[in-house]
Amino acid sequence: MTAPSELRLLPWVGPEGKPCYLSTDDRSGYLTRLADNTEAVQLAFAADLLDQVPDVLDDVDADPDEIHSLAWELISALRDVLRIAISRGDLLAVSRPQHL
């Protein structure tokens, strides 16, 4: 059985919002590439969203519904970025030699 530290946290959730993990040594496999591409899309979306924030917040005539929608999109993007950071941190921890 693969140790939990050797599992890759995937950038999406499964049924009931539970995390999905990948156990593989193949860094060029289909699911690994799909996860890498999904992470790239999620990070690009978060960056684009951050670019929009100042314009919306600086607009004194901004529609409250637009601000509300932006806040929910930011929450979603932050969840994605946090999941990616945790996944990459876990991958770094596994790839580094452990010193005792």
N, C-alpha and C. Protein backbone atom coordinates (compact mmCIF):
# COMPACT_ATOMS: atom_id res chain seq x y z
N MET A 1 0.84 -1.18 0.00
CA MET A 1 0.00 0.00 0.00
C MET A 1 0.88 1.24 0.00
N THR A 2 0.48 2.27 -0.71
CA THR A 2 1.23 3.51 -0.81
C THR A 2 1.02 4.34 0.45
N ALA A 3 2.11 4.89 0.96
CA ALA A 3 2.02 5.76 2.13
C ALA A 3 1.29 7.04 1.75
N PRO A 4 0.52 7.62 2.68
CA PRO A 4 -0.22 8.85 2.37
C PRO A 4 0.66 9.96 1.84
N SER A 5 1.93 10.03 2.30
CA SER A 5 2.82 11.09 1.84
C SER A 5 3.24 10.91 0.38
N GLU A 6 3.01 9.73 -0.17
CA GLU A 6 3.37 9.46 -1.56
C GLU A 6 2.20 9.68 -2.51
N LEU A 7 1.06 10.05 -1.97
CA LEU A 7 -0.12 10.32 -2.79
C LEU A 7 -0.12 11.78 -3.24
N ARG A 8 -0.58 12.01 -4.45
CA ARG A 8 -0.72 13.38 -4.94
C ARG A 8 -2.16 13.83 -4.76
N LEU A 9 -2.33 14.94 -4.07
CA LEU A 9 -3.65 15.54 -3.95
C LEU A 9 -4.00 16.15 -5.29
N LEU A 10 -5.11 15.71 -5.86
CA LEU A 10 -5.51 16.20 -7.18
C LEU A 10 -6.26 17.52 -7.07
N PRO A 11 -6.24 18.31 -8.15
CA PRO A 11 -6.85 19.65 -8.09
C PRO A 11 -8.36 19.67 -8.29
N TRP A 12 -9.01 18.61 -7.94
CA TRP A 12 -10.47 18.56 -8.00
C TRP A 12 -10.95 17.68 -6.85
N VAL A 13 -12.21 17.76 -6.57
CA VAL A 13 -12.78 16.95 -5.49
C VAL A 13 -13.68 15.89 -6.09
N GLY A 14 -13.91 14.87 -5.31
CA GLY A 14 -14.78 13.78 -5.74
C GLY A 14 -16.19 13.95 -5.20
N PRO A 15 -16.92 12.86 -5.20
CA PRO A 15 -18.29 12.90 -4.68
C PRO A 15 -18.32 13.44 -3.24
N GLU A 16 -19.32 14.21 -2.97
CA GLU A 16 -19.53 14.79 -1.64
C GLU A 16 -18.40 15.75 -1.24
N GLY A 17 -17.66 16.26 -2.22
CA GLY A 17 -16.60 17.22 -1.93
C GLY A 17 -15.36 16.65 -1.29
N LYS A 18 -15.22 15.33 -1.33
CA LYS A 18 -14.05 14.70 -0.71
C LYS A 18 -12.83 14.82 -1.63
N PRO A 19 -11.63 14.96 -1.03
CA PRO A 19 -10.42 15.09 -1.84
C PRO A 19 -10.14 13.82 -2.65
N CYS A 20 -9.51 14.02 -3.79
CA CYS A 20 -9.09 12.91 -4.64
C CYS A 20 -7.56 12.85 -4.64
N TYR A 21 -7.04 11.63 -4.63
CA TYR A 21 -5.59 11.43 -4.60
C TYR A 21 -5.19 10.51 -5.74
N LEU A 22 -3.94 10.67 -6.18
CA LEU A 22 -3.38 9.83 -7.24
C LEU A 22 -2.15 9.15 -6.69
N SER A 23 -2.08 7.84 -6.89
CA SER A 23 -0.91 7.06 -6.51
C SER A 23 -0.28 6.53 -7.78
N THR A 24 0.86 7.11 -8.15
CA THR A 24 1.57 6.65 -9.34
C THR A 24 3.01 7.12 -9.30
N ASP A 25 3.88 6.35 -9.91
CA ASP A 25 5.27 6.76 -10.07
C ASP A 25 5.49 7.35 -11.46
N ASP A 26 4.45 7.29 -12.30
CA ASP A 26 4.55 7.76 -13.69
C ASP A 26 4.22 9.24 -13.76
N ARG A 27 5.25 10.08 -13.84
CA ARG A 27 5.04 11.53 -13.87
C ARG A 27 4.60 12.02 -15.25
N SER A 28 4.48 11.11 -16.20
CA SER A 28 4.02 11.52 -17.54
C SER A 28 2.71 10.82 -17.90
N GLY A 29 2.09 10.17 -16.93
CA GLY A 29 0.83 9.47 -17.17
C GLY A 29 -0.32 10.42 -17.43
N TYR A 30 -1.39 9.87 -17.95
CA TYR A 30 -2.56 10.67 -18.33
C TYR A 30 -3.11 11.49 -17.17
N LEU A 31 -3.35 10.85 -16.02
CA LEU A 31 -3.94 11.58 -14.89
C LEU A 31 -2.99 12.63 -14.32
N THR A 32 -1.69 12.34 -14.35
CA THR A 32 -0.72 13.34 -13.90
C THR A 32 -0.74 14.55 -14.81
N ARG A 33 -0.76 14.33 -16.12
CA ARG A 33 -0.81 15.44 -17.08
C ARG A 33 -2.13 16.20 -16.94
N LEU A 34 -3.23 15.48 -16.77
CA LEU A 34 -4.53 16.13 -16.59
C LEU A 34 -4.52 17.00 -15.33
N ALA A 35 -3.96 16.49 -14.24
CA ALA A 35 -3.87 17.27 -13.01
C ALA A 35 -2.99 18.50 -13.21
N ASP A 36 -1.85 18.34 -13.88
CA ASP A 36 -0.96 19.48 -14.14
C ASP A 36 -1.67 20.54 -14.97
N ASN A 37 -2.37 20.12 -16.01
CA ASN A 37 -3.10 21.07 -16.87
C ASN A 37 -4.23 21.75 -16.11
N THR A 38 -4.94 21.00 -15.29
CA THR A 38 -6.03 21.57 -14.50
C THR A 38 -5.49 22.61 -13.52
N GLU A 39 -4.37 22.30 -12.88
CA GLU A 39 -3.75 23.26 -11.97
C GLU A 39 -3.36 24.54 -12.72
N ALA A 40 -2.80 24.40 -13.91
CA ALA A 40 -2.40 25.57 -14.69
C ALA A 40 -3.61 26.44 -15.02
N VAL A 41 -4.72 25.82 -15.39
CA VAL A 41 -5.94 26.57 -15.69
C VAL A 41 -6.46 27.26 -14.43
N GLN A 42 -6.46 26.55 -13.32
CA GLN A 42 -6.95 27.13 -12.07
C GLN A 42 -6.09 28.32 -11.63
N LEU A 43 -4.77 28.21 -11.76
CA LEU A 43 -3.88 29.31 -11.38
C LEU A 43 -4.06 30.51 -12.31
N ALA A 44 -4.23 30.26 -13.60
CA ALA A 44 -4.45 31.35 -14.56
C ALA A 44 -5.77 32.05 -14.26
N PHE A 45 -6.81 31.28 -13.93
CA PHE A 45 -8.11 31.87 -13.59
C PHE A 45 -7.98 32.75 -12.35
N ALA A 46 -7.26 32.26 -11.34
CA ALA A 46 -7.08 33.04 -10.11
C ALA A 46 -6.33 34.34 -10.41
N ALA A 47 -5.32 34.29 -11.25
CA ALA A 47 -4.56 35.49 -11.60
C ALA A 47 -5.44 36.49 -12.35
N ASP A 48 -6.23 36.00 -13.29
CA ASP A 48 -7.14 36.88 -14.03
C ASP A 48 -8.17 37.51 -13.09
N LEU A 49 -8.67 36.72 -12.18
CA LEU A 49 -9.65 37.22 -11.22
C LEU A 49 -9.05 38.32 -10.35
N LEU A 50 -7.81 38.12 -9.89
CA LEU A 50 -7.15 39.14 -9.08
C LEU A 50 -6.97 40.44 -9.84
N ASP A 51 -6.74 40.34 -11.14
CA ASP A 51 -6.61 41.54 -11.96
C ASP A 51 -7.91 42.34 -12.01
N GLN A 52 -9.05 41.66 -11.88
CA GLN A 52 -10.36 42.32 -11.94
C GLN A 52 -10.73 43.02 -10.63
N VAL A 53 -10.21 42.54 -9.54
CA VAL A 53 -10.64 43.01 -8.22
C VAL A 53 -10.47 44.52 -8.04
N PRO A 54 -9.31 45.10 -8.33
CA PRO A 54 -9.17 46.54 -8.10
C PRO A 54 -10.18 47.37 -8.90
N ASP A 55 -10.43 46.98 -10.14
CA ASP A 55 -11.39 47.74 -10.96
C ASP A 55 -12.79 47.71 -10.35
N VAL A 56 -13.20 46.55 -9.89
CA VAL A 56 -14.54 46.43 -9.31
C VAL A 56 -14.62 47.19 -7.99
N LEU A 57 -13.61 47.06 -7.14
CA LEU A 57 -13.65 47.71 -5.84
C LEU A 57 -13.48 49.22 -5.93
N ASP A 58 -12.77 49.68 -6.96
CA ASP A 58 -12.58 51.13 -7.14
C ASP A 58 -13.79 51.81 -7.78
N ASP A 59 -14.69 51.02 -8.35
CA ASP A 59 -15.87 51.56 -9.02
C ASP A 59 -16.95 51.86 -7.98
N VAL A 60 -17.15 53.14 -7.70
CA VAL A 60 -18.14 53.52 -6.69
C VAL A 60 -19.57 53.17 -7.12
N ASP A 61 -19.76 52.97 -8.42
CA ASP A 61 -21.07 52.60 -8.93
C ASP A 61 -21.21 51.10 -9.17
N ALA A 62 -20.27 50.33 -8.64
CA ALA A 62 -20.30 48.88 -8.87
C ALA A 62 -21.59 48.30 -8.30
N ASP A 63 -22.18 47.40 -9.05
CA ASP A 63 -23.40 46.73 -8.65
C ASP A 63 -23.09 45.78 -7.48
N PRO A 64 -23.84 45.85 -6.39
CA PRO A 64 -23.60 44.95 -5.26
C PRO A 64 -23.62 43.47 -5.66
N ASP A 65 -24.46 43.12 -6.63
CA ASP A 65 -24.49 41.72 -7.08
C ASP A 65 -23.17 41.34 -7.76
N GLU A 66 -22.56 42.30 -8.47
CA GLU A 66 -21.27 42.04 -9.11
C GLU A 66 -20.18 41.82 -8.06
N ILE A 67 -20.21 42.64 -7.01
CA ILE A 67 -19.23 42.49 -5.93
C ILE A 67 -19.44 41.15 -5.21
N HIS A 68 -20.68 40.81 -4.98
CA HIS A 68 -21.02 39.54 -4.33
C HIS A 68 -20.53 38.35 -5.17
N SER A 69 -20.79 38.42 -6.46
CA SER A 69 -20.36 37.36 -7.37
C SER A 69 -18.83 37.25 -7.40
N LEU A 70 -18.16 38.39 -7.43
CA LEU A 70 -16.70 38.41 -7.43
C LEU A 70 -16.16 37.77 -6.15
N ALA A 71 -16.79 38.07 -5.02
CA ALA A 71 -16.34 37.48 -3.75
C ALA A 71 -16.46 35.97 -3.78
N TRP A 72 -17.55 35.44 -4.31
CA TRP A 72 -17.71 33.99 -4.39
C TRP A 72 -16.70 33.36 -5.35
N GLU A 73 -16.42 34.05 -6.46
CA GLU A 73 -15.41 33.54 -7.40
C GLU A 73 -14.02 33.55 -6.75
N LEU A 74 -13.74 34.58 -5.95
CA LEU A 74 -12.46 34.63 -5.24
C LEU A 74 -12.34 33.50 -4.23
N ILE A 75 -13.43 33.19 -3.54
CA ILE A 75 -13.42 32.07 -2.59
C ILE A 75 -13.10 30.77 -3.32
N SER A 76 -13.75 30.55 -4.44
CA SER A 76 -13.51 29.33 -5.22
C SER A 76 -12.07 29.27 -5.71
N ALA A 77 -11.56 30.38 -6.22
CA ALA A 77 -10.19 30.42 -6.72
C ALA A 77 -9.19 30.19 -5.58
N LEU A 78 -9.46 30.78 -4.43
CA LEU A 78 -8.57 30.61 -3.28
C LEU A 78 -8.55 29.15 -2.83
N ARG A 79 -9.70 28.49 -2.83
CA ARG A 79 -9.74 27.05 -2.49
C ARG A 79 -8.86 26.25 -3.45
N ASP A 80 -8.99 26.56 -4.75
CA ASP A 80 -8.19 25.85 -5.76
C ASP A 80 -6.69 26.09 -5.55
N VAL A 81 -6.32 27.35 -5.33
CA VAL A 81 -4.90 27.68 -5.15
C VAL A 81 -4.36 27.03 -3.87
N LEU A 82 -5.15 27.02 -2.82
CA LEU A 82 -4.73 26.38 -1.58
C LEU A 82 -4.53 24.88 -1.79
N ARG A 83 -5.44 24.24 -2.50
CA ARG A 83 -5.31 22.81 -2.78
C ARG A 83 -4.03 22.54 -3.58
N ILE A 84 -3.73 23.40 -4.55
CA ILE A 84 -2.52 23.25 -5.35
C ILE A 84 -1.29 23.42 -4.47
N ALA A 85 -1.29 24.43 -3.60
CA ALA A 85 -0.15 24.67 -2.72
C ALA A 85 0.09 23.48 -1.79
N ILE A 86 -0.98 22.93 -1.24
CA ILE A 86 -0.85 21.76 -0.36
C ILE A 86 -0.30 20.58 -1.16
N SER A 87 -0.84 20.36 -2.34
CA SER A 87 -0.39 19.24 -3.17
C SER A 87 1.08 19.38 -3.51
N ARG A 88 1.49 20.57 -3.94
CA ARG A 88 2.89 20.78 -4.32
C ARG A 88 3.81 20.71 -3.11
N GLY A 89 3.34 21.19 -1.97
CA GLY A 89 4.14 21.07 -0.74
C GLY A 89 4.33 19.61 -0.37
N ASP A 90 3.28 18.82 -0.50
CA ASP A 90 3.39 17.39 -0.22
C ASP A 90 4.36 16.72 -1.18
N LEU A 91 4.30 17.10 -2.46
CA LEU A 91 5.21 16.52 -3.45
C LEU A 91 6.65 16.89 -3.15
N LEU A 92 6.89 18.13 -2.71
CA LEU A 92 8.25 18.54 -2.36
C LEU A 92 8.76 17.74 -1.16
N ALA A 93 7.90 17.54 -0.19
CA ALA A 93 8.29 16.81 1.01
C ALA A 93 8.68 15.37 0.67
N VAL A 94 7.97 14.77 -0.28
CA VAL A 94 8.26 13.40 -0.67
C VAL A 94 9.56 13.34 -1.46
N SER A 95 9.84 14.34 -2.29
CA SER A 95 11.01 14.29 -3.16
C SER A 95 12.30 14.65 -2.43
N ARG A 96 12.21 15.31 -1.28
CA ARG A 96 13.40 15.67 -0.51
C ARG A 96 13.84 14.50 0.34
N PRO A 97 15.15 14.27 0.41
CA PRO A 97 15.63 13.22 1.31
C PRO A 97 15.38 13.62 2.76
N GLN A 98 15.00 12.68 3.55
CA GLN A 98 14.73 12.92 4.96
C GLN A 98 16.04 12.80 5.75
N HIS A 99 16.35 13.82 6.52
CA HIS A 99 17.56 13.81 7.36
C HIS A 99 17.14 13.53 8.80
N LEU A 100 17.80 12.60 9.40
CA LEU A 100 17.50 12.27 10.79
C LEU A 100 18.56 12.80 11.70
